[in-house]
């Protein structure tokens, strides 16, 4: 039963990664691609790690928990930083944005031009 559950988790994780990769190719703008690069990829990795952890002894599975924690902490932060860098350099398509909350926040800063 554990083998079936492990295989199902790994297959779901791989499917999630494939969906994220398709999003990178198919989405039209940078900000959408950032979304596709982080959310499904992180979920896919977590599912694959869970499937692998079921196959390992508990003392080795703890290392996978550290990998998962590192991924969950760093992926959203890096995505946020890349998005802000793209916004600051004008690499994103501002006319495609429905709302520009960051632009409003930056305009409200003291010393903003």
PDB file of N, CA and C in Angstrom:
ATOM      1  N   UNK A   1       0.819  -1.195   0.000  1.00  0.00           N
ATOM      2  CA  UNK A   1       0.000   0.000   0.000  1.00  0.00           C
ATOM      3  C   UNK A   1       0.870   1.269   0.000  1.00  0.00           C
ATOM      4  N   UNK A   2       1.977   1.229   0.734  1.00  0.00           N
ATOM      5  CA  UNK A   2       2.870   2.391   0.787  1.00  0.00           C
ATOM      6  C   UNK A   2       3.512   2.633  -0.573  1.00  0.00           C
ATOM      7  N   UNK A   3       3.817   1.571  -1.285  1.00  0.00           N
ATOM      8  CA  UNK A   3       4.401   1.726  -2.614  1.00  0.00           C
ATOM      9  C   UNK A   3       3.437   2.428  -3.567  1.00  0.00           C
ATOM     10  N   UNK A   4       2.175   2.081  -3.496  1.00  0.00           N
ATOM     11  CA  UNK A   4       1.165   2.708  -4.359  1.00  0.00           C
ATOM     12  C   UNK A   4       1.007   4.184  -4.007  1.00  0.00           C
ATOM     13  N   UNK A   5       0.932   4.489  -2.718  1.00  0.00           N
ATOM     14  CA  UNK A   5       0.806   5.883  -2.284  1.00  0.00           C
ATOM     15  C   UNK A   5       2.040   6.691  -2.679  1.00  0.00           C
ATOM     16  N   UNK A   6       3.205   6.099  -2.502  1.00  0.00           N
ATOM     17  CA  UNK A   6       4.453   6.768  -2.875  1.00  0.00           C
ATOM     18  C   UNK A   6       4.499   7.055  -4.372  1.00  0.00           C
ATOM     19  N   UNK A   7       4.133   6.072  -5.169  1.00  0.00           N
ATOM     20  CA  UNK A   7       4.129   6.254  -6.626  1.00  0.00           C
ATOM     21  C   UNK A   7       3.109   7.310  -7.037  1.00  0.00           C
ATOM     22  N   UNK A   8       1.952   7.315  -6.395  1.00  0.00           N
ATOM     23  CA  UNK A   8       0.927   8.317  -6.723  1.00  0.00           C
ATOM     24  C   UNK A   8       1.408   9.722  -6.385  1.00  0.00           C
ATOM     25  N   UNK A   9       2.049   9.887  -5.232  1.00  0.00           N
ATOM     26  CA  UNK A   9       2.570  11.207  -4.858  1.00  0.00           C
ATOM     27  C   UNK A   9       3.645  11.674  -5.840  1.00  0.00           C
ATOM     28  N   UNK A  10       4.523  10.770  -6.224  1.00  0.00           N
ATOM     29  CA  UNK A  10       5.585  11.157  -7.155  1.00  0.00           C
ATOM     30  C   UNK A  10       5.036  11.484  -8.536  1.00  0.00           C
ATOM     31  N   UNK A  11       4.032  10.743  -8.976  1.00  0.00           N
ATOM     32  CA  UNK A  11       3.420  11.043 -10.272  1.00  0.00           C
ATOM     33  C   UNK A  11       2.668  12.372 -10.244  1.00  0.00           C
ATOM     34  N   UNK A  12       1.950  12.633  -9.161  1.00  0.00           N
ATOM     35  CA  UNK A  12       1.266  13.926  -9.030  1.00  0.00           C
ATOM     36  C   UNK A  12       2.272  15.075  -8.989  1.00  0.00           C
ATOM     37  N   UNK A  13       3.383  14.859  -8.299  1.00  0.00           N
ATOM     38  CA  UNK A  13       4.427  15.884  -8.259  1.00  0.00           C
ATOM     39  C   UNK A  13       5.027  16.139  -9.624  1.00  0.00           C
ATOM     40  N   UNK A  14       5.278  15.063 -10.360  1.00  0.00           N
ATOM     41  CA  UNK A  14       5.822  15.220 -11.709  1.00  0.00           C
ATOM     42  C   UNK A  14       4.823  15.922 -12.622  1.00  0.00           C
ATOM     43  N   UNK A  15       3.551  15.591 -12.489  1.00  0.00           N
ATOM     44  CA  UNK A  15       2.510  16.245 -13.284  1.00  0.00           C
ATOM     45  C   UNK A  15       2.435  17.733 -12.960  1.00  0.00           C
ATOM     46  N   UNK A  16       2.546  18.067 -11.694  1.00  0.00           N
ATOM     47  CA  UNK A  16       2.535  19.473 -11.300  1.00  0.00           C
ATOM     48  C   UNK A  16       3.724  20.222 -11.902  1.00  0.00           C
ATOM     49  N   UNK A  17       4.887  19.594 -11.907  1.00  0.00           N
ATOM     50  CA  UNK A  17       6.065  20.223 -12.510  1.00  0.00           C
ATOM     51  C   UNK A  17       5.899  20.412 -14.014  1.00  0.00           C
ATOM     52  N   UNK A  18       5.281  19.440 -14.670  1.00  0.00           N
ATOM     53  CA  UNK A  18       5.036  19.558 -16.114  1.00  0.00           C
ATOM     54  C   UNK A  18       4.064  20.697 -16.396  1.00  0.00           C
ATOM     55  N   UNK A  19       3.026  20.820 -15.578  1.00  0.00           N
ATOM     56  CA  UNK A  19       2.066  21.916 -15.748  1.00  0.00           C
ATOM     57  C   UNK A  19       2.768  23.271 -15.556  1.00  0.00           C
ATOM     58  N   UNK A  20       3.653  23.350 -14.575  1.00  0.00           N
ATOM     59  CA  UNK A  20       4.413  24.585 -14.378  1.00  0.00           C
ATOM     60  C   UNK A  20       5.316  24.895 -15.556  1.00  0.00           C
ATOM     61  N   UNK A  21       5.942  23.873 -16.112  1.00  0.00           N
ATOM     62  CA  UNK A  21       6.805  24.080 -17.276  1.00  0.00           C
ATOM     63  C   UNK A  21       5.993  24.536 -18.483  1.00  0.00           C
ATOM     64  N   UNK A  22       4.815  23.966 -18.667  1.00  0.00           N
ATOM     65  CA  UNK A  22       3.939  24.418 -19.753  1.00  0.00           C
ATOM     66  C   UNK A  22       3.521  25.872 -19.554  1.00  0.00           C
ATOM     67  N   UNK A  23       3.286  26.247 -18.310  1.00  0.00           N
ATOM     68  CA  UNK A  23       2.947  27.635 -18.018  1.00  0.00           C
ATOM     69  C   UNK A  23       4.072  28.582 -18.372  1.00  0.00           C
ATOM     70  N   UNK A  24       5.301  28.151 -18.143  1.00  0.00           N
ATOM     71  CA  UNK A  24       6.442  28.992 -18.513  1.00  0.00           C
ATOM     72  C   UNK A  24       6.488  29.242 -20.009  1.00  0.00           C
ATOM     73  N   UNK A  25       6.097  28.248 -20.773  1.00  0.00           N
ATOM     74  CA  UNK A  25       6.134  28.373 -22.229  1.00  0.00           C
ATOM     75  C   UNK A  25       4.908  29.121 -22.753  1.00  0.00           C
ATOM     76  N   UNK A  26       3.758  28.887 -22.159  1.00  0.00           N
ATOM     77  CA  UNK A  26       2.506  29.375 -22.719  1.00  0.00           C
ATOM     78  C   UNK A  26       2.073  30.754 -22.212  1.00  0.00           C
ATOM     79  N   UNK A  27       2.424  31.121 -20.994  1.00  0.00           N
ATOM     80  CA  UNK A  27       1.935  32.393 -20.458  1.00  0.00           C
ATOM     81  C   UNK A  27       2.579  33.564 -21.186  1.00  0.00           C
ATOM     82  N   UNK A  28       1.827  34.653 -21.360  1.00  0.00           N
ATOM     83  CA  UNK A  28       2.284  35.732 -22.234  1.00  0.00           C
ATOM     84  C   UNK A  28       3.277  36.710 -21.612  1.00  0.00           C
ATOM     85  N   UNK A  29       3.211  36.922 -20.305  1.00  0.00           N
ATOM     86  CA  UNK A  29       4.050  37.973 -19.731  1.00  0.00           C
ATOM     87  C   UNK A  29       4.910  37.440 -18.582  1.00  0.00           C
ATOM     88  N   UNK A  30       5.836  38.264 -18.179  1.00  0.00           N
ATOM     89  CA  UNK A  30       6.826  37.879 -17.178  1.00  0.00           C
ATOM     90  C   UNK A  30       6.198  37.536 -15.837  1.00  0.00           C
ATOM     91  N   UNK A  31       5.252  38.336 -15.389  1.00  0.00           N
ATOM     92  CA  UNK A  31       4.669  38.111 -14.073  1.00  0.00           C
ATOM     93  C   UNK A  31       3.867  36.816 -14.028  1.00  0.00           C
ATOM     94  N   UNK A  32       3.179  36.484 -15.084  1.00  0.00           N
ATOM     95  CA  UNK A  32       2.463  35.207 -15.152  1.00  0.00           C
ATOM     96  C   UNK A  32       3.451  34.046 -15.166  1.00  0.00           C
ATOM     97  N   UNK A  33       4.542  34.226 -15.858  1.00  0.00           N
ATOM     98  CA  UNK A  33       5.555  33.165 -15.910  1.00  0.00           C
ATOM     99  C   UNK A  33       6.214  32.959 -14.559  1.00  0.00           C
ATOM    100  N   UNK A  34       6.385  34.035 -13.811  1.00  0.00           N
ATOM    101  CA  UNK A  34       6.915  33.888 -12.454  1.00  0.00           C
ATOM    102  C   UNK A  34       5.977  33.049 -11.601  1.00  0.00           C
ATOM    103  N   UNK A  35       4.691  33.273 -11.756  1.00  0.00           N
ATOM    104  CA  UNK A  35       3.693  32.487 -11.025  1.00  0.00           C
ATOM    105  C   UNK A  35       3.809  31.015 -11.402  1.00  0.00           C
ATOM    106  N   UNK A  36       3.927  30.747 -12.684  1.00  0.00           N
ATOM    107  CA  UNK A  36       4.030  29.361 -13.146  1.00  0.00           C
ATOM    108  C   UNK A  36       5.344  28.724 -12.714  1.00  0.00           C
ATOM    109  N   UNK A  37       6.360  29.521 -12.536  1.00  0.00           N
ATOM    110  CA  UNK A  37       7.658  28.968 -12.156  1.00  0.00           C
ATOM    111  C   UNK A  37       7.742  28.641 -10.668  1.00  0.00           C
ATOM    112  N   UNK A  38       6.907  29.259  -9.855  1.00  0.00           N
ATOM    113  CA  UNK A  38       7.041  29.042  -8.418  1.00  0.00           C
ATOM    114  C   UNK A  38       5.971  28.135  -7.827  1.00  0.00           C
ATOM    115  N   UNK A  39       4.728  28.433  -8.041  1.00  0.00           N
ATOM    116  CA  UNK A  39       3.668  27.680  -7.353  1.00  0.00           C
ATOM    117  C   UNK A  39       3.631  26.202  -7.737  1.00  0.00           C
ATOM    118  N   UNK A  40       3.445  25.852  -9.007  1.00  0.00           N
ATOM    119  CA  UNK A  40       3.372  24.418  -9.315  1.00  0.00           C
ATOM    120  C   UNK A  40       4.699  23.696  -9.124  1.00  0.00           C
ATOM    121  N   UNK A  41       5.800  24.384  -9.333  1.00  0.00           N
ATOM    122  CA  UNK A  41       7.101  23.736  -9.153  1.00  0.00           C
ATOM    123  C   UNK A  41       7.334  23.405  -7.680  1.00  0.00           C
ATOM    124  N   UNK A  42       6.971  24.319  -6.795  1.00  0.00           N
ATOM    125  CA  UNK A  42       7.130  24.068  -5.366  1.00  0.00           C
ATOM    126  C   UNK A  42       6.219  22.931  -4.928  1.00  0.00           C
ATOM    127  N   UNK A  43       4.966  22.964  -5.360  1.00  0.00           N
ATOM    128  CA  UNK A  43       4.040  21.884  -5.017  1.00  0.00           C
ATOM    129  C   UNK A  43       4.540  20.553  -5.568  1.00  0.00           C
ATOM    130  N   UNK A  44       5.017  20.564  -6.799  1.00  0.00           N
ATOM    131  CA  UNK A  44       5.525  19.337  -7.407  1.00  0.00           C
ATOM    132  C   UNK A  44       6.698  18.761  -6.640  1.00  0.00           C
ATOM    133  N   UNK A  45       7.622  19.620  -6.254  1.00  0.00           N
ATOM    134  CA  UNK A  45       8.772  19.142  -5.487  1.00  0.00           C
ATOM    135  C   UNK A  45       8.340  18.588  -4.140  1.00  0.00           C
ATOM    136  N   UNK A  46       7.408  19.255  -3.478  1.00  0.00           N
ATOM    137  CA  UNK A  46       6.939  18.774  -2.175  1.00  0.00           C
ATOM    138  C   UNK A  46       6.263  17.403  -2.300  1.00  0.00           C
ATOM    139  N   UNK A  47       5.468  17.227  -3.345  1.00  0.00           N
ATOM    140  CA  UNK A  47       4.822  15.930  -3.541  1.00  0.00           C
ATOM    141  C   UNK A  47       5.843  14.838  -3.853  1.00  0.00           C
ATOM    142  N   UNK A  48       6.834  15.152  -4.668  1.00  0.00           N
ATOM    143  CA  UNK A  48       7.875  14.169  -4.979  1.00  0.00           C
ATOM    144  C   UNK A  48       8.675  13.824  -3.723  1.00  0.00           C
ATOM    145  N   UNK A  49       9.011  14.825  -2.938  1.00  0.00           N
ATOM    146  CA  UNK A  49       9.747  14.565  -1.699  1.00  0.00           C
ATOM    147  C   UNK A  49       8.926  13.724  -0.729  1.00  0.00           C
ATOM    148  N   UNK A  50       7.617  13.970  -0.668  1.00  0.00           N
ATOM    149  CA  UNK A  50       6.757  13.168   0.207  1.00  0.00           C
ATOM    150  C   UNK A  50       6.724  11.719  -0.268  1.00  0.00           C
ATOM    151  N   UNK A  51       6.648  11.520  -1.567  1.00  0.00           N
ATOM    152  CA  UNK A  51       6.658  10.164  -2.102  1.00  0.00           C
ATOM    153  C   UNK A  51       7.969   9.442  -1.824  1.00  0.00           C
ATOM    154  N   UNK A  52       9.060  10.158  -1.962  1.00  0.00           N
ATOM    155  CA  UNK A  52      10.371   9.558  -1.678  1.00  0.00           C
ATOM    156  C   UNK A  52      10.517   9.286  -0.183  1.00  0.00           C
ATOM    157  N   UNK A  53      10.005  10.196   0.654  1.00  0.00           N
ATOM    158  CA  UNK A  53      10.125  10.025   2.104  1.00  0.00           C
ATOM    159  C   UNK A  53       9.399   8.775   2.585  1.00  0.00           C
ATOM    160  N   UNK A  54       8.326   8.412   1.907  1.00  0.00           N
ATOM    161  CA  UNK A  54       7.618   7.192   2.296  1.00  0.00           C
ATOM    162  C   UNK A  54       8.456   5.940   2.049  1.00  0.00           C
ATOM    163  N   UNK A  55       9.395   6.018   1.129  1.00  0.00           N
ATOM    164  CA  UNK A  55      10.227   4.869   0.790  1.00  0.00           C
ATOM    165  C   UNK A  55      11.499   4.783   1.632  1.00  0.00           C
ATOM    166  N   UNK A  56      11.830   5.840   2.340  1.00  0.00           N
ATOM    167  CA  UNK A  56      13.083   5.877   3.096  1.00  0.00           C
ATOM    168  C   UNK A  56      12.846   5.614   4.575  1.00  0.00           C
ATOM    169  N   UNK A  57      13.878   5.155   5.256  1.00  0.00           N
ATOM    170  CA  UNK A  57      13.784   5.087   6.725  1.00  0.00           C
ATOM    171  C   UNK A  57      13.633   6.504   7.302  1.00  0.00           C
ATOM    172  N   UNK A  58      13.038   6.598   8.460  1.00  0.00           N
ATOM    173  CA  UNK A  58      12.713   7.897   9.059  1.00  0.00           C
ATOM    174  C   UNK A  58      13.949   8.770   9.266  1.00  0.00           C
ATOM    175  N   UNK A  59      15.088   8.187   9.601  1.00  0.00           N
ATOM    176  CA  UNK A  59      16.268   9.005   9.856  1.00  0.00           C
ATOM    177  C   UNK A  59      16.769   9.705   8.596  1.00  0.00           C
ATOM    178  N   UNK A  60      16.499   9.145   7.415  1.00  0.00           N
ATOM    179  CA  UNK A  60      16.889   9.791   6.160  1.00  0.00           C
ATOM    180  C   UNK A  60      15.807  10.751   5.656  1.00  0.00           C
ATOM    181  N   UNK A  61      14.581  10.483   6.000  1.00  0.00           N
ATOM    182  CA  UNK A  61      13.472  11.336   5.558  1.00  0.00           C
ATOM    183  C   UNK A  61      13.530  12.713   6.196  1.00  0.00           C
ATOM    184  N   UNK A  62      14.199  12.829   7.333  1.00  0.00           N
ATOM    185  CA  UNK A  62      14.325  14.139   7.980  1.00  0.00           C
ATOM    186  C   UNK A  62      15.096  15.107   7.096  1.00  0.00           C
ATOM    187  N   UNK A  63      16.070  14.631   6.374  1.00  0.00           N
ATOM    188  CA  UNK A  63      16.812  15.481   5.442  1.00  0.00           C
ATOM    189  C   UNK A  63      15.921  16.020   4.338  1.00  0.00           C
ATOM    190  N   UNK A  64      14.953  15.227   3.909  1.00  0.00           N
ATOM    191  CA  UNK A  64      14.015  15.694   2.888  1.00  0.00           C
ATOM    192  C   UNK A  64      13.111  16.798   3.427  1.00  0.00           C
ATOM    193  N   UNK A  65      12.807  16.741   4.709  1.00  0.00           N
ATOM    194  CA  UNK A  65      12.010  17.812   5.329  1.00  0.00           C
ATOM    195  C   UNK A  65      12.781  19.126   5.273  1.00  0.00           C
ATOM    196  N   UNK A  66      14.073  19.072   5.485  1.00  0.00           N
ATOM    197  CA  UNK A  66      14.888  20.287   5.397  1.00  0.00           C
ATOM    198  C   UNK A  66      14.918  20.831   3.968  1.00  0.00           C
ATOM    199  N   UNK A  67      14.999  19.944   2.990  1.00  0.00           N
ATOM    200  CA  UNK A  67      14.959  20.374   1.587  1.00  0.00           C
ATOM    201  C   UNK A  67      13.623  21.040   1.281  1.00  0.00           C
ATOM    202  N   UNK A  68      12.534  20.431   1.740  1.00  0.00           N
ATOM    203  CA  UNK A  68      11.199  20.991   1.513  1.00  0.00           C
ATOM    204  C   UNK A  68      11.056  22.348   2.187  1.00  0.00           C
ATOM    205  N   UNK A  69      11.536  22.466   3.405  1.00  0.00           N
ATOM    206  CA  UNK A  69      11.451  23.739   4.124  1.00  0.00           C
ATOM    207  C   UNK A  69      12.248  24.825   3.405  1.00  0.00           C
ATOM    208  N   UNK A  70      13.429  24.497   2.953  1.00  0.00           N
ATOM    209  CA  UNK A  70      14.248  25.463   2.224  1.00  0.00           C
ATOM    210  C   UNK A  70      13.548  25.914   0.945  1.00  0.00           C
ATOM    211  N   UNK A  71      12.924  24.993   0.240  1.00  0.00           N
ATOM    212  CA  UNK A  71      12.220  25.331  -0.996  1.00  0.00           C
ATOM    213  C   UNK A  71      11.019  26.234  -0.712  1.00  0.00           C
ATOM    214  N   UNK A  72      10.260  25.919   0.313  1.00  0.00           N
ATOM    215  CA  UNK A  72       9.068  26.706   0.642  1.00  0.00           C
ATOM    216  C   UNK A  72       9.448  28.117   1.086  1.00  0.00           C
ATOM    217  N   UNK A  73      10.585  28.259   1.720  1.00  0.00           N
ATOM    218  CA  UNK A  73      11.012  29.582   2.173  1.00  0.00           C
ATOM    219  C   UNK A  73      11.608  30.402   1.029  1.00  0.00           C
ATOM    220  N   UNK A  74      12.419  29.794   0.195  1.00  0.00           N
ATOM    221  CA  UNK A  74      13.154  30.579  -0.794  1.00  0.00           C
ATOM    222  C   UNK A  74      12.395  30.867  -2.081  1.00  0.00           C
ATOM    223  N   UNK A  75      11.581  29.955  -2.559  1.00  0.00           N
ATOM    224  CA  UNK A  75      10.908  30.156  -3.855  1.00  0.00           C
ATOM    225  C   UNK A  75      10.002  31.389  -3.875  1.00  0.00           C
ATOM    226  N   UNK A  76       9.124  31.595  -2.896  1.00  0.00           N
ATOM    227  CA  UNK A  76       8.280  32.794  -2.939  1.00  0.00           C
ATOM    228  C   UNK A  76       9.077  34.091  -2.790  1.00  0.00           C
ATOM    229  N   UNK A  77      10.119  34.045  -1.981  1.00  0.00           N
ATOM    230  CA  UNK A  77      10.929  35.248  -1.779  1.00  0.00           C
ATOM    231  C   UNK A  77      11.649  35.628  -3.072  1.00  0.00           C
ATOM    232  N   UNK A  78      12.237  34.648  -3.730  1.00  0.00           N
ATOM    233  CA  UNK A  78      12.927  34.926  -4.992  1.00  0.00           C
ATOM    234  C   UNK A  78      11.957  35.396  -6.072  1.00  0.00           C
ATOM    235  N   UNK A  79      10.789  34.802  -6.113  1.00  0.00           N
ATOM    236  CA  UNK A  79       9.786  35.229  -7.088  1.00  0.00           C
ATOM    237  C   UNK A  79       9.387  36.681  -6.848  1.00  0.00           C
ATOM    238  N   UNK A  80       9.208  37.051  -5.598  1.00  0.00           N
ATOM    239  CA  UNK A  80       8.872  38.433  -5.250  1.00  0.00           C
ATOM    240  C   UNK A  80       9.999  39.382  -5.661  1.00  0.00           C
ATOM    241  N   UNK A  81      11.221  38.990  -5.401  1.00  0.00           N
ATOM    242  CA  UNK A  81      12.356  39.847  -5.755  1.00  0.00           C
ATOM    243  C   UNK A  81      12.501  39.992  -7.270  1.00  0.00           C
ATOM    244  N   UNK A  82      12.321  38.903  -8.002  1.00  0.00           N
ATOM    245  CA  UNK A  82      12.390  38.984  -9.464  1.00  0.00           C
ATOM    246  C   UNK A  82      11.274  39.849 -10.019  1.00  0.00           C
ATOM    247  N   UNK A  83      10.078  39.719  -9.458  1.00  0.00           N
ATOM    248  CA  UNK A  83       8.950  40.545  -9.900  1.00  0.00           C
ATOM    249  C   UNK A  83       9.193  42.022  -9.648  1.00  0.00           C
ATOM    250  N   UNK A  84       9.722  42.344  -8.483  1.00  0.00           N
ATOM    251  CA  UNK A  84      10.027  43.748  -8.181  1.00  0.00           C
ATOM    252  C   UNK A  84      11.145  44.285  -9.066  1.00  0.00           C
ATOM    253  N   UNK A  85      12.144  43.447  -9.328  1.00  0.00           N
ATOM    254  CA  UNK A  85      13.236  43.879 -10.206  1.00  0.00           C
ATOM    255  C   UNK A  85      12.716  44.121 -11.618  1.00  0.00           C
ATOM    256  N   UNK A  86      11.833  43.254 -12.079  1.00  0.00           N
ATOM    257  CA  UNK A  86      11.246  43.443 -13.409  1.00  0.00           C
ATOM    258  C   UNK A  86      10.417  44.715 -13.449  1.00  0.00           C
ATOM    259  N   UNK A  87       9.693  44.996 -12.387  1.00  0.00           N
ATOM    260  CA  UNK A  87       8.876  46.211 -12.321  1.00  0.00           C
ATOM    261  C   UNK A  87       9.774  47.454 -12.316  1.00  0.00           C
ATOM    262  N   UNK A  88      10.841  47.388 -11.520  1.00  0.00           N
ATOM    263  CA  UNK A  88      11.728  48.553 -11.387  1.00  0.00           C
ATOM    264  C   UNK A  88      12.474  48.856 -12.685  1.00  0.00           C
ATOM    265  N   UNK A  89      12.799  47.827 -13.439  1.00  0.00           N
ATOM    266  CA  UNK A  89      13.538  48.039 -14.686  1.00  0.00           C
ATOM    267  C   UNK A  89      12.628  48.226 -15.891  1.00  0.00           C
ATOM    268  N   UNK A  90      11.326  48.040 -15.691  1.00  0.00           N
ATOM    269  CA  UNK A  90      10.384  48.199 -16.797  1.00  0.00           C
ATOM    270  C   UNK A  90      10.315  46.989 -17.708  1.00  0.00           C
ATOM    271  N   UNK A  91      10.776  45.833 -17.232  1.00  0.00           N
ATOM    272  CA  UNK A  91      10.765  44.628 -18.058  1.00  0.00           C
ATOM    273  C   UNK A  91       9.379  43.990 -18.136  1.00  0.00           C
ATOM    274  N   UNK A  92       8.475  44.398 -17.258  1.00  0.00           N
ATOM    275  CA  UNK A  92       7.122  43.846 -17.304  1.00  0.00           C
ATOM    276  C   UNK A  92       6.232  44.702 -18.202  1.00  0.00           C
ATOM    277  N   UNK A  93       5.082  44.184 -18.524  1.00  0.00           N
ATOM    278  CA  UNK A  93       4.129  44.904 -19.373  1.00  0.00           C
ATOM    279  C   UNK A  93       3.089  45.563 -18.470  1.00  0.00           C
ATOM    280  N   UNK A  94       3.294  46.818 -18.176  1.00  0.00           N
ATOM    281  CA  UNK A  94       2.404  47.496 -17.234  1.00  0.00           C
ATOM    282  C   UNK A  94       1.000  47.692 -17.779  1.00  0.00           C
ATOM    283  N   UNK A  95       0.863  47.785 -19.077  1.00  0.00           N
ATOM    284  CA  UNK A  95      -0.469  47.963 -19.639  1.00  0.00           C
ATOM    285  C   UNK A  95      -1.302  46.687 -19.529  1.00  0.00           C
ATOM    286  N   UNK A  96      -0.669  45.542 -19.277  1.00  0.00           N
ATOM    287  CA  UNK A  96      -1.397  44.287 -19.112  1.00  0.00           C
ATOM    288  C   UNK A  96      -1.907  44.103 -17.686  1.00  0.00           C
ATOM    289  N   UNK A  97      -1.452  44.936 -16.759  1.00  0.00           N
ATOM    290  CA  UNK A  97      -1.875  44.819 -15.364  1.00  0.00           C
ATOM    291  C   UNK A  97      -3.291  45.355 -15.186  1.00  0.00           C
ATOM    292  N   UNK A  98      -4.118  44.615 -14.465  1.00  0.00           N
ATOM    293  CA  UNK A  98      -5.457  45.109 -14.160  1.00  0.00           C
ATOM    294  C   UNK A  98      -5.394  46.171 -13.076  1.00  0.00           C
ATOM    295  N   UNK A  99      -4.609  45.929 -12.049  1.00  0.00           N
ATOM    296  CA  UNK A  99      -4.361  46.911 -10.997  1.00  0.00           C
ATOM    297  C   UNK A  99      -2.864  46.978 -10.766  1.00  0.00           C
ATOM    298  N   UNK A 100      -2.408  48.144 -10.408  1.00  0.00           N
ATOM    299  CA  UNK A 100      -0.976  48.351 -10.185  1.00  0.00           C
ATOM    300  C   UNK A 100      -0.773  48.814  -8.747  1.00  0.00           C
ATOM    301  N   UNK A 101      -0.905  47.868  -7.808  1.00  0.00           N
ATOM    302  CA  UNK A 101      -0.767  48.198  -6.399  1.00  0.00           C
ATOM    303  C   UNK A 101       0.645  48.644  -6.051  1.00  0.00           C
ATOM    304  N   UNK A 102       1.636  48.028  -6.645  1.00  0.00           N
ATOM    305  CA  UNK A 102       3.017  48.405  -6.354  1.00  0.00           C
ATOM    306  C   UNK A 102       3.293  49.820  -6.841  1.00  0.00           C
ATOM    307  N   UNK A 103       2.793  50.172  -8.010  1.00  0.00           N
ATOM    308  CA  UNK A 103       2.978  51.531  -8.518  1.00  0.00           C
ATOM    309  C   UNK A 103       2.356  52.563  -7.602  1.00  0.00           C
ATOM    310  N   UNK A 104       1.188  52.255  -7.058  1.00  0.00           N
ATOM    311  CA  UNK A 104       0.530  53.175  -6.126  1.00  0.00           C
ATOM    312  C   UNK A 104       1.331  53.302  -4.838  1.00  0.00           C
ATOM    313  N   UNK A 105       1.853  52.176  -4.344  1.00  0.00           N
ATOM    314  CA  UNK A 105       2.654  52.225  -3.116  1.00  0.00           C
ATOM    315  C   UNK A 105       3.944  53.005  -3.318  1.00  0.00           C
ATOM    316  N   UNK A 106       4.582  52.805  -4.463  1.00  0.00           N
ATOM    317  CA  UNK A 106       5.826  53.518  -4.728  1.00  0.00           C
ATOM    318  C   UNK A 106       5.567  55.012  -4.953  1.00  0.00           C
ATOM    319  N   UNK A 107       4.430  55.349  -5.539  1.00  0.00           N
ATOM    320  CA  UNK A 107       4.105  56.762  -5.768  1.00  0.00           C
ATOM    321  C   UNK A 107       3.815  57.483  -4.464  1.00  0.00           C
ATOM    322  N   UNK A 108       3.329  56.764  -3.450  1.00  0.00           N
ATOM    323  CA  UNK A 108       3.019  57.366  -2.150  1.00  0.00           C
ATOM    324  C   UNK A 108       4.243  57.561  -1.270  1.00  0.00           C
ATOM    325  N   UNK A 109       5.368  57.029  -1.670  1.00  0.00           N
ATOM    326  CA  UNK A 109       6.592  57.161  -0.862  1.00  0.00           C
ATOM    327  C   UNK A 109       7.075  58.600  -0.868  1.00  0.00           C
ATOM    328  N   UNK A 110       7.656  59.028   0.245  1.00  0.00           N
ATOM    329  CA  UNK A 110       8.260  60.362   0.263  1.00  0.00           C
ATOM    330  C   UNK A 110       9.455  60.409  -0.695  1.00  0.00           C
ATOM    331  N   UNK A 111       9.548  61.458  -1.465  1.00  0.00           N
ATOM    332  CA  UNK A 111      10.646  61.634  -2.393  1.00  0.00           C
ATOM    333  C   UNK A 111      10.412  60.962  -3.731  1.00  0.00           C
ATOM    334  N   UNK A 112       9.222  60.344  -3.915  1.00  0.00           N
ATOM    335  CA  UNK A 112       8.920  59.715  -5.212  1.00  0.00           C
ATOM    336  C   UNK A 112       8.641  60.800  -6.240  1.00  0.00           C
ATOM    337  N   UNK A 113       9.088  60.553  -7.440  1.00  0.00           N
ATOM    338  CA  UNK A 113       8.867  61.566  -8.485  1.00  0.00           C
ATOM    339  C   UNK A 113       7.616  61.302  -9.248  1.00  0.00           C
TER     340      UNK A 113
END
